[in-house]
């Protein structure tokens, strides 16, 4: 029997007791389908460790990402390519995250700054280099969360939301607002929910780990990261353990399940 593997992070909550910002009511996706779903949250909440995340992740208030997003349909799936290279590894902290939302027309780029993203429910996914943040918990004011599917699951086998699945929001700060890094040893790499998409020995290898992502509207999609390196770089990294290709050029496969 298949089992679900969940990260030991704080569960996504609909608590709206904190002060809300100016972007209340926008739940991110277009809502073209799934209109009968109950939203997970409708009001933004304050990001608890806002000063720390700005400093720890080198967030910006005066620039937006220059990365592009494109979409291709493959059967019922969207194959979305997005440029989160952020000017290259040595320049990444000088550039903003790329902010996007999942829609029925594909993955859509939003032109907002890092600090605007800390107050906005418009975005679902933020990427810079190998770090993929979801808009919830320590990453943003919404409640977008994910579930990491466990042993035995493949992307192709997931046709509906399994009963009892639990969604987790990004939770990488302690109560004292000290950042919790992942196990890669790479700088600026917090322990985000989507972290298991990659593994690192001498290059960023894709794991084929499937995820379920729940948006603020209640819609759920399945997601797999297929590529991080440009060109044939991912095949070289996964097969040979090294590549000279540029990183941050994602290919993501995803599909709404409701």
Protein backbone atom coordinates (compact mmCIF):
# COMPACT_ATOMS: atom_id res chain seq x y z
CA UNK A 1 0.00 0.00 0.00
CA UNK A 2 1.38 3.37 -0.93
CA UNK A 3 2.12 5.79 1.86
CA UNK A 4 2.52 9.55 1.97
CA UNK A 5 5.70 11.13 3.23
CA UNK A 6 5.12 14.50 4.82
CA UNK A 7 7.70 17.06 5.86
CA UNK A 8 7.62 17.84 9.55
CA UNK A 9 6.61 21.42 9.03
CA UNK A 10 3.71 23.45 10.39
CA UNK A 11 0.37 22.67 8.75
CA UNK A 12 -1.33 25.22 6.50
CA UNK A 13 -3.97 27.15 8.43
CA UNK A 14 -6.90 29.37 7.66
CA UNK A 15 -6.18 31.57 10.70
CA UNK A 16 -6.93 35.18 9.77
CA UNK A 17 -6.39 36.66 13.19
CA UNK A 18 -3.30 38.64 12.20
CA UNK A 19 -3.50 42.11 10.69
CA UNK A 20 -4.22 41.96 6.96
CA UNK A 21 -2.62 44.00 4.21
CA UNK A 22 -4.06 45.73 1.16
CA UNK A 23 -4.27 42.62 -1.02
CA UNK A 24 -7.04 40.84 0.84
CA UNK A 25 -9.38 38.70 -1.17
CA UNK A 26 -7.09 37.74 -4.08
CA UNK A 27 -6.46 34.02 -3.78
CA UNK A 28 -3.91 33.75 -6.56
CA UNK A 29 -5.29 31.52 -9.31
CA UNK A 30 -7.89 32.56 -11.85
CA UNK A 31 -10.68 30.41 -10.43
CA UNK A 32 -11.98 29.48 -13.88
CA UNK A 33 -12.81 26.02 -12.56
CA UNK A 34 -13.18 24.61 -9.07
CA UNK A 35 -15.70 27.34 -8.20
CA UNK A 36 -17.48 25.07 -5.70
CA UNK A 37 -14.37 24.60 -3.58
CA UNK A 38 -14.03 26.16 -0.17
CA UNK A 39 -11.05 28.53 -0.07
CA UNK A 40 -8.25 27.68 2.35
CA UNK A 41 -7.82 31.36 3.16
CA UNK A 42 -9.12 34.66 1.80
CA UNK A 43 -7.18 37.22 3.82
CA UNK A 44 -3.40 37.77 3.97
CA UNK A 45 -1.54 37.29 7.23
CA UNK A 46 1.65 38.98 8.38
CA UNK A 47 4.91 37.19 7.64
CA UNK A 48 6.35 36.67 11.11
CA UNK A 49 10.09 36.99 10.42
CA UNK A 50 9.89 39.66 7.74
CA UNK A 51 13.10 41.50 8.63
CA UNK A 52 15.02 38.24 8.81
CA UNK A 53 13.80 36.86 5.49
CA UNK A 54 14.69 40.11 3.75
CA UNK A 55 18.23 39.87 5.11
CA UNK A 56 18.73 36.08 4.95
CA UNK A 57 17.43 35.66 1.39
CA UNK A 58 18.71 39.03 0.10
CA UNK A 59 15.26 40.25 -0.92
CA UNK A 60 14.77 43.51 -2.83
CA UNK A 61 12.29 46.35 -2.80
CA UNK A 62 13.41 48.10 -6.00
CA UNK A 63 13.59 45.44 -8.71
CA UNK A 64 11.62 42.60 -10.28
CA UNK A 65 12.84 39.43 -11.94
CA UNK A 66 13.91 39.63 -15.58
CA UNK A 67 13.13 35.94 -16.07
CA UNK A 68 10.57 34.80 -18.62
CA UNK A 69 7.84 32.16 -18.32
CA UNK A 70 6.43 30.08 -21.19
CA UNK A 71 3.89 27.27 -21.32
CA UNK A 72 3.20 24.32 -23.59
CA UNK A 73 0.35 21.84 -23.28
CA UNK A 74 1.22 18.14 -23.33
CA UNK A 75 -2.04 16.25 -23.21
CA UNK A 76 -3.72 17.30 -19.96
CA UNK A 77 -0.44 18.58 -18.51
CA UNK A 78 1.13 21.98 -18.63
CA UNK A 79 4.87 22.02 -19.27
CA UNK A 80 6.07 25.37 -17.95
CA UNK A 81 9.55 26.73 -18.53
CA UNK A 82 10.70 29.56 -16.30
CA UNK A 83 13.96 31.43 -15.95
CA UNK A 84 14.94 31.71 -12.28
CA UNK A 85 18.66 31.98 -13.09
CA UNK A 86 18.78 35.46 -11.49
CA UNK A 87 21.85 36.58 -13.38
CA UNK A 88 23.88 33.48 -12.54
CA UNK A 89 24.99 31.95 -9.25
CA UNK A 90 27.45 34.70 -8.27
CA UNK A 91 24.89 37.44 -9.01
CA UNK A 92 21.75 35.79 -7.65
CA UNK A 93 21.60 37.74 -4.39
CA UNK A 94 21.62 40.95 -6.42
CA UNK A 95 18.47 39.92 -8.26
CA UNK A 96 14.86 39.35 -7.29
CA UNK A 97 12.87 36.13 -7.10
CA UNK A 98 10.63 35.30 -10.04
CA UNK A 99 6.99 35.28 -8.84
CA UNK A 100 4.31 33.25 -10.61
CA UNK A 101 0.79 31.91 -10.23
CA UNK A 102 -0.93 28.78 -11.51
CA UNK A 103 -3.84 29.47 -13.86
CA UNK A 104 -5.96 27.55 -16.34
CA UNK A 105 -3.90 29.21 -19.06
CA UNK A 106 -0.60 27.99 -17.61
CA UNK A 107 1.97 29.42 -15.22
CA UNK A 108 1.83 33.22 -15.24
CA UNK A 109 4.61 35.65 -14.30
CA UNK A 110 3.84 38.57 -11.98
CA UNK A 111 5.93 41.73 -12.00
CA UNK A 112 6.23 42.34 -8.27
CA UNK A 113 9.24 42.98 -6.08
CA UNK A 114 10.39 40.68 -3.29
CA UNK A 115 9.08 42.99 -0.59
CA UNK A 116 5.75 43.44 -2.38
CA UNK A 117 5.49 39.65 -2.49
CA UNK A 118 5.68 39.55 1.32
CA UNK A 119 2.33 41.40 1.39
CA UNK A 120 0.63 39.95 -1.70
CA UNK A 121 -1.63 36.93 -2.14
CA UNK A 122 -1.40 37.23 -5.92
CA UNK A 123 1.51 34.81 -6.37
CA UNK A 124 1.72 31.07 -5.71
CA UNK A 125 5.32 30.12 -6.55
CA UNK A 126 8.55 32.08 -6.25
CA UNK A 127 11.86 30.90 -7.69
CA UNK A 128 15.46 32.04 -7.59
CA UNK A 129 18.21 29.61 -8.54
CA UNK A 130 17.38 26.28 -6.82
CA UNK A 131 15.08 27.75 -4.15
CA UNK A 132 11.33 27.41 -4.80
CA UNK A 133 9.13 29.16 -2.25
CA UNK A 134 5.37 28.83 -1.87
CA UNK A 135 3.22 31.77 -0.83
CA UNK A 136 2.46 30.81 2.74
CA UNK A 137 3.99 30.40 6.17
CA UNK A 138 7.46 31.94 6.38
CA UNK A 139 7.56 32.68 2.63
CA UNK A 140 4.47 34.82 2.14
CA UNK A 141 1.12 36.04 3.49
CA UNK A 142 -1.12 33.48 1.74
CA UNK A 143 -1.68 29.80 2.59
CA UNK A 144 -0.31 27.94 -0.44
CA UNK A 145 1.03 24.59 0.75
CA UNK A 146 2.33 21.32 -0.60
CA UNK A 147 2.43 17.63 0.21
CA UNK A 148 5.46 15.52 -0.65
CA UNK A 149 4.32 12.20 -2.06
CA UNK A 150 6.01 9.19 -0.53
CA UNK A 151 7.54 5.91 -1.56
CA UNK A 152 5.92 4.27 -4.57
CA UNK A 153 4.18 7.31 -6.04
CA UNK A 154 5.00 8.66 -9.49
CA UNK A 155 3.65 11.80 -11.09
CA UNK A 156 1.82 9.79 -13.74
CA UNK A 157 -0.04 7.66 -11.17
CA UNK A 158 -1.56 10.62 -9.33
CA UNK A 159 -5.01 11.15 -10.82
CA UNK A 160 -6.82 12.64 -7.82
CA UNK A 161 -6.13 14.05 -4.39
CA UNK A 162 -5.58 11.07 -2.06
CA UNK A 163 -7.80 10.85 1.00
CA UNK A 164 -6.18 12.20 4.14
CA UNK A 165 -3.43 14.16 2.40
CA UNK A 166 -2.02 17.01 4.50
CA UNK A 167 -0.53 20.17 3.06
CA UNK A 168 2.39 21.98 4.66
CA UNK A 169 3.42 25.61 4.29
CA UNK A 170 7.00 26.83 4.22
CA UNK A 171 8.28 26.80 7.80
CA UNK A 172 12.00 27.54 7.94
CA UNK A 173 12.28 29.96 10.85
CA UNK A 174 12.40 29.16 14.54
CA UNK A 175 10.27 31.05 17.04
CA UNK A 176 13.32 33.27 17.55
CA UNK A 177 13.45 33.91 13.78
CA UNK A 178 16.65 31.95 13.19
CA UNK A 179 16.67 30.45 9.71
CA UNK A 180 16.58 26.67 9.25
CA UNK A 181 18.69 25.72 6.24
CA UNK A 182 18.33 22.50 4.31
CA UNK A 183 20.97 19.78 4.35
CA UNK A 184 22.68 20.78 1.09
CA UNK A 185 25.24 23.04 2.74
CA UNK A 186 24.63 25.66 0.05
CA UNK A 187 24.19 29.27 1.26
CA UNK A 188 20.77 30.90 1.07
CA UNK A 189 18.95 27.57 0.87
CA UNK A 190 16.13 27.46 3.44
CA UNK A 191 14.24 24.25 4.21
CA UNK A 192 11.25 24.87 1.96
CA UNK A 193 8.43 22.37 1.39
CA UNK A 194 9.36 21.91 -2.28
CA UNK A 195 13.02 21.27 -1.39
CA UNK A 196 12.92 17.53 -2.21
CA UNK A 197 12.66 18.30 -5.95
CA UNK A 198 16.46 18.29 -6.01
CA UNK A 199 19.49 16.56 -4.55
CA UNK A 200 23.07 17.76 -4.49
CA UNK A 201 26.42 16.05 -4.52
CA UNK A 202 28.42 18.01 -7.08
CA UNK A 203 25.55 19.41 -9.15
CA UNK A 204 21.79 19.93 -8.79
CA UNK A 205 20.15 16.61 -9.66
CA UNK A 206 16.41 16.27 -10.21
CA UNK A 207 14.73 13.58 -8.10
CA UNK A 208 11.43 13.14 -10.02
CA UNK A 209 9.71 13.73 -6.67
CA UNK A 210 6.00 14.44 -7.27
CA UNK A 211 4.19 17.02 -5.15
CA UNK A 212 0.63 18.07 -4.58
CA UNK A 213 0.23 21.84 -4.26
CA UNK A 214 -2.87 23.41 -2.71
CA UNK A 215 -3.67 27.00 -3.64
CA UNK A 216 -5.47 29.50 -1.44
CA UNK A 217 -8.65 28.93 -3.49
CA UNK A 218 -8.65 25.25 -2.50
CA UNK A 219 -7.61 24.01 -5.94
CA UNK A 220 -4.95 21.29 -5.96
CA UNK A 221 -2.42 20.52 -8.66
CA UNK A 222 0.20 17.85 -9.07
CA UNK A 223 3.72 19.04 -9.86
CA UNK A 224 7.09 17.64 -10.87
CA UNK A 225 10.32 19.48 -11.66
CA UNK A 226 11.87 17.91 -14.74
CA UNK A 227 14.80 20.20 -15.45
CA UNK A 228 17.00 22.79 -13.74
CA UNK A 229 19.88 23.18 -16.18
CA UNK A 230 19.80 24.68 -19.63
CA UNK A 231 20.09 22.47 -22.72
CA UNK A 232 21.36 18.96 -22.03
CA UNK A 233 22.77 19.98 -18.65
CA UNK A 234 20.25 18.06 -16.56
CA UNK A 235 20.93 14.82 -18.37
CA UNK A 236 24.67 15.37 -17.85
CA UNK A 237 24.26 16.17 -14.15
CA UNK A 238 21.92 13.27 -13.40
CA UNK A 239 23.93 10.78 -15.42
CA UNK A 240 27.52 11.89 -14.95
CA UNK A 241 27.44 13.90 -11.72
CA UNK A 242 28.65 17.13 -13.33
CA UNK A 243 27.75 19.70 -15.95
CA UNK A 244 28.97 23.05 -17.21
CA UNK A 245 25.45 24.15 -18.17
CA UNK A 246 23.80 27.20 -16.65
CA UNK A 247 21.36 26.57 -13.81
CA UNK A 248 18.03 28.11 -12.89
CA UNK A 249 16.28 27.26 -16.17
CA UNK A 250 13.37 25.21 -14.88
CA UNK A 251 11.01 22.89 -16.68
CA UNK A 252 7.99 22.02 -14.52
CA UNK A 253 5.22 19.59 -15.40
CA UNK A 254 1.89 20.12 -13.63
CA UNK A 255 -1.86 19.62 -13.84
CA UNK A 256 -4.88 20.74 -11.85
CA UNK A 257 -6.67 17.86 -10.14
CA UNK A 258 -9.86 19.82 -9.30
